[in-house]
């Protein structure tokens, strides 16, 4: 039983490594194509809008929490800076 599990894990790892290698090869090919574009072609290609991703409620809540944290810390830093000026 352990041998079958180990063999299937090895097969899954091998398949994941092949998929990663293919992805890296595709990214290199795309990077090489981008390198040969004219400036206006490059700008046109990279300025296409990306559609919004549908996030889970947990991810949305986490991002809102992060926004609130950043605002609070920013206010604290500004207050400390102004307080130290006096």
N, C-alpha and C. Protein backbone atom coordinates (compact mmCIF):
# COMPACT_ATOMS: atom_id res chain seq x y z
N UNK A 1 0.83 -1.19 0.00
CA UNK A 1 0.00 0.00 0.00
C UNK A 1 0.87 1.25 0.00
N UNK A 2 1.93 1.26 0.83
CA UNK A 2 2.81 2.42 0.88
C UNK A 2 3.54 2.60 -0.43
N UNK A 3 3.86 1.50 -1.11
CA UNK A 3 4.58 1.57 -2.37
C UNK A 3 3.71 2.25 -3.43
N UNK A 4 2.41 1.91 -3.45
CA UNK A 4 1.51 2.54 -4.41
C UNK A 4 1.38 4.03 -4.15
N UNK A 5 1.30 4.43 -2.88
CA UNK A 5 1.18 5.84 -2.52
C UNK A 5 2.45 6.59 -2.90
N UNK A 6 3.59 5.98 -2.62
CA UNK A 6 4.86 6.62 -2.96
C UNK A 6 5.00 6.75 -4.47
N UNK A 7 4.57 5.73 -5.21
CA UNK A 7 4.66 5.78 -6.66
C UNK A 7 3.73 6.85 -7.23
N UNK A 8 2.52 6.95 -6.68
CA UNK A 8 1.60 7.97 -7.18
C UNK A 8 2.09 9.37 -6.83
N UNK A 9 2.70 9.53 -5.63
CA UNK A 9 3.26 10.84 -5.26
C UNK A 9 4.41 11.21 -6.19
N UNK A 10 5.25 10.23 -6.52
CA UNK A 10 6.37 10.48 -7.42
C UNK A 10 5.84 10.87 -8.80
N UNK A 11 4.80 10.17 -9.26
CA UNK A 11 4.22 10.48 -10.56
C UNK A 11 3.62 11.89 -10.57
N UNK A 12 2.94 12.26 -9.49
CA UNK A 12 2.34 13.60 -9.40
C UNK A 12 3.43 14.67 -9.38
N UNK A 13 4.51 14.42 -8.63
CA UNK A 13 5.62 15.37 -8.59
C UNK A 13 6.26 15.52 -9.96
N UNK A 14 6.42 14.40 -10.65
CA UNK A 14 7.03 14.42 -11.98
C UNK A 14 6.14 15.19 -12.96
N UNK A 15 4.83 14.96 -12.90
CA UNK A 15 3.89 15.67 -13.78
C UNK A 15 3.90 17.17 -13.48
N UNK A 16 3.98 17.52 -12.19
CA UNK A 16 4.02 18.94 -11.82
C UNK A 16 5.31 19.59 -12.32
N UNK A 17 6.42 18.86 -12.26
CA UNK A 17 7.70 19.40 -12.74
C UNK A 17 7.65 19.62 -14.24
N UNK A 18 7.04 18.70 -14.97
CA UNK A 18 6.93 18.85 -16.42
C UNK A 18 6.04 20.05 -16.75
N UNK A 19 4.92 20.19 -16.05
CA UNK A 19 4.03 21.32 -16.29
C UNK A 19 4.73 22.64 -15.99
N UNK A 20 5.52 22.68 -14.91
CA UNK A 20 6.27 23.90 -14.55
C UNK A 20 7.30 24.22 -15.63
N UNK A 21 7.99 23.22 -16.14
CA UNK A 21 8.98 23.43 -17.18
C UNK A 21 8.32 23.96 -18.45
N UNK A 22 7.16 23.38 -18.82
CA UNK A 22 6.44 23.87 -20.00
C UNK A 22 5.98 25.31 -19.81
N UNK A 23 5.52 25.65 -18.62
CA UNK A 23 5.09 27.02 -18.33
C UNK A 23 6.27 27.99 -18.44
N UNK A 24 7.43 27.58 -17.90
CA UNK A 24 8.61 28.44 -17.99
C UNK A 24 9.04 28.61 -19.43
N UNK A 25 8.96 27.55 -20.22
CA UNK A 25 9.35 27.63 -21.63
C UNK A 25 8.41 28.59 -22.36
N UNK A 26 7.10 28.51 -22.08
CA UNK A 26 6.12 29.40 -22.71
C UNK A 26 6.38 30.84 -22.30
N UNK A 27 6.68 31.10 -21.01
CA UNK A 27 6.96 32.46 -20.55
C UNK A 27 8.20 33.01 -21.22
N UNK A 28 9.24 32.20 -21.36
CA UNK A 28 10.46 32.67 -22.04
C UNK A 28 10.16 33.04 -23.47
N UNK A 29 9.36 32.21 -24.15
CA UNK A 29 9.00 32.49 -25.54
C UNK A 29 8.25 33.81 -25.63
N UNK A 30 7.29 34.04 -24.71
CA UNK A 30 6.54 35.29 -24.72
C UNK A 30 7.44 36.47 -24.41
N UNK A 31 8.38 36.30 -23.49
CA UNK A 31 9.32 37.38 -23.16
C UNK A 31 10.19 37.72 -24.37
N UNK A 32 10.62 36.70 -25.11
CA UNK A 32 11.42 36.96 -26.30
C UNK A 32 10.62 37.71 -27.35
N UNK A 33 9.36 37.37 -27.48
CA UNK A 33 8.52 38.09 -28.45
C UNK A 33 8.34 39.54 -28.04
N UNK A 34 8.14 39.79 -26.75
CA UNK A 34 7.94 41.16 -26.26
C UNK A 34 9.20 41.99 -26.47
N UNK A 35 10.37 41.37 -26.35
CA UNK A 35 11.62 42.11 -26.50
C UNK A 35 11.76 42.71 -27.90
N UNK A 36 11.13 42.11 -28.91
CA UNK A 36 11.30 42.56 -30.29
C UNK A 36 10.19 43.49 -30.77
N UNK A 37 9.32 43.91 -29.86
CA UNK A 37 8.24 44.82 -30.25
C UNK A 37 8.75 46.26 -30.31
N UNK A 38 8.13 47.03 -31.18
CA UNK A 38 8.38 48.47 -31.20
C UNK A 38 7.80 49.06 -29.93
N UNK A 39 8.22 50.28 -29.59
CA UNK A 39 7.76 50.90 -28.35
C UNK A 39 6.23 51.04 -28.33
N UNK A 40 5.64 51.53 -29.41
CA UNK A 40 4.19 51.71 -29.41
C UNK A 40 3.46 50.37 -29.38
N UNK A 41 4.04 49.32 -29.99
CA UNK A 41 3.43 48.00 -29.91
C UNK A 41 3.50 47.47 -28.49
N UNK A 42 4.63 47.70 -27.83
CA UNK A 42 4.80 47.25 -26.45
C UNK A 42 3.80 47.94 -25.53
N UNK A 43 3.64 49.26 -25.71
CA UNK A 43 2.70 50.01 -24.88
C UNK A 43 1.28 49.52 -25.13
N UNK A 44 0.92 49.30 -26.39
CA UNK A 44 -0.42 48.83 -26.71
C UNK A 44 -0.66 47.44 -26.11
N UNK A 45 0.34 46.59 -26.15
CA UNK A 45 0.19 45.23 -25.63
C UNK A 45 0.09 45.20 -24.11
N UNK A 46 0.86 46.04 -23.45
CA UNK A 46 0.87 46.00 -21.98
C UNK A 46 -0.18 46.89 -21.35
N UNK A 47 -0.87 47.72 -22.12
CA UNK A 47 -1.87 48.60 -21.53
C UNK A 47 -3.28 48.06 -21.66
N UNK A 48 -3.42 46.83 -22.12
CA UNK A 48 -4.75 46.22 -22.19
C UNK A 48 -5.27 46.00 -20.77
N UNK A 49 -6.52 46.37 -20.50
CA UNK A 49 -7.05 46.16 -19.15
C UNK A 49 -7.23 44.67 -18.85
N UNK A 50 -7.01 44.33 -17.61
CA UNK A 50 -7.16 42.96 -17.16
C UNK A 50 -8.50 42.86 -16.43
N UNK A 51 -9.29 41.85 -16.72
CA UNK A 51 -10.59 41.75 -16.04
C UNK A 51 -10.42 41.50 -14.55
N UNK A 52 -11.40 41.97 -13.78
CA UNK A 52 -11.36 41.79 -12.33
C UNK A 52 -11.52 40.32 -11.98
N UNK A 53 -10.87 39.93 -10.92
CA UNK A 53 -10.95 38.55 -10.45
C UNK A 53 -12.04 38.47 -9.38
N UNK A 54 -12.83 37.43 -9.46
CA UNK A 54 -13.86 37.22 -8.44
C UNK A 54 -13.18 36.61 -7.21
N UNK A 55 -13.18 37.37 -6.11
CA UNK A 55 -12.53 36.91 -4.88
C UNK A 55 -13.57 36.33 -3.93
N UNK A 56 -13.10 35.45 -3.07
CA UNK A 56 -13.99 34.91 -2.04
C UNK A 56 -14.27 35.99 -1.00
N UNK A 57 -15.27 35.75 -0.18
CA UNK A 57 -15.62 36.73 0.85
C UNK A 57 -14.49 36.89 1.86
N UNK A 58 -13.77 35.82 2.13
CA UNK A 58 -12.64 35.89 3.07
C UNK A 58 -11.54 36.77 2.49
N UNK A 59 -11.22 36.58 1.21
CA UNK A 59 -10.17 37.38 0.58
C UNK A 59 -10.57 38.86 0.52
N UNK A 60 -11.84 39.12 0.20
CA UNK A 60 -12.32 40.50 0.16
C UNK A 60 -12.24 41.15 1.54
N UNK A 61 -12.64 40.40 2.56
CA UNK A 61 -12.56 40.93 3.93
C UNK A 61 -11.12 41.18 4.33
N UNK A 62 -10.22 40.29 3.95
CA UNK A 62 -8.81 40.46 4.28
C UNK A 62 -8.24 41.71 3.60
N UNK A 63 -8.60 41.93 2.35
CA UNK A 63 -8.11 43.11 1.65
C UNK A 63 -8.67 44.40 2.25
N UNK A 64 -9.94 44.38 2.65
CA UNK A 64 -10.51 45.57 3.31
C UNK A 64 -9.83 45.80 4.65
N UNK A 65 -9.55 44.72 5.38
CA UNK A 65 -8.82 44.85 6.64
C UNK A 65 -7.44 45.45 6.43
N UNK A 66 -6.78 45.03 5.36
CA UNK A 66 -5.47 45.58 5.04
C UNK A 66 -5.57 47.07 4.71
N UNK A 67 -6.59 47.46 3.98
CA UNK A 67 -6.78 48.88 3.66
C UNK A 67 -6.98 49.71 4.93
N UNK A 68 -7.82 49.21 5.82
CA UNK A 68 -8.07 49.92 7.08
C UNK A 68 -6.78 50.02 7.88
N UNK A 69 -6.01 48.94 7.94
CA UNK A 69 -4.74 48.94 8.66
C UNK A 69 -3.79 49.99 8.09
N UNK A 70 -3.69 50.06 6.77
CA UNK A 70 -2.79 51.03 6.13
C UNK A 70 -3.23 52.46 6.45
N UNK A 71 -4.52 52.72 6.43
CA UNK A 71 -5.01 54.06 6.74
C UNK A 71 -4.68 54.42 8.19
N UNK A 72 -4.92 53.49 9.12
CA UNK A 72 -4.64 53.76 10.53
C UNK A 72 -3.16 54.00 10.76
N UNK A 73 -2.31 53.18 10.18
CA UNK A 73 -0.87 53.36 10.36
C UNK A 73 -0.42 54.66 9.72
N UNK A 74 -0.98 55.01 8.57
CA UNK A 74 -0.62 56.28 7.92
C UNK A 74 -0.97 57.46 8.80
N UNK A 75 -2.15 57.42 9.41
CA UNK A 75 -2.55 58.50 10.31
C UNK A 75 -1.60 58.57 11.50
N UNK A 76 -1.22 57.43 12.04
CA UNK A 76 -0.29 57.41 13.17
C UNK A 76 1.07 58.01 12.79
N UNK A 77 1.56 57.67 11.62
CA UNK A 77 2.85 58.19 11.16
C UNK A 77 2.78 59.70 10.95
N UNK A 78 1.71 60.16 10.32
CA UNK A 78 1.55 61.61 10.09
C UNK A 78 1.44 62.34 11.42
N UNK A 79 0.67 61.81 12.35
CA UNK A 79 0.53 62.43 13.66
C UNK A 79 1.88 62.51 14.38
N UNK A 80 2.64 61.40 14.34
CA UNK A 80 3.95 61.39 15.00
C UNK A 80 4.90 62.39 14.35
N UNK A 81 4.87 62.47 13.04
CA UNK A 81 5.74 63.41 12.34
C UNK A 81 5.40 64.85 12.72
N UNK A 82 4.12 65.19 12.70
CA UNK A 82 3.69 66.55 13.05
C UNK A 82 4.00 66.85 14.52
N UNK A 83 3.79 65.86 15.39
CA UNK A 83 4.07 66.05 16.82
C UNK A 83 5.55 66.31 17.07
N UNK A 84 6.42 65.66 16.31
CA UNK A 84 7.86 65.84 16.48
C UNK A 84 8.36 67.17 15.93
N UNK A 85 7.57 67.83 15.09
CA UNK A 85 7.96 69.14 14.55
C UNK A 85 7.88 70.21 15.63
N UNK A 86 7.03 70.03 16.60
CA UNK A 86 6.83 71.06 17.65
C UNK A 86 7.79 70.91 18.76
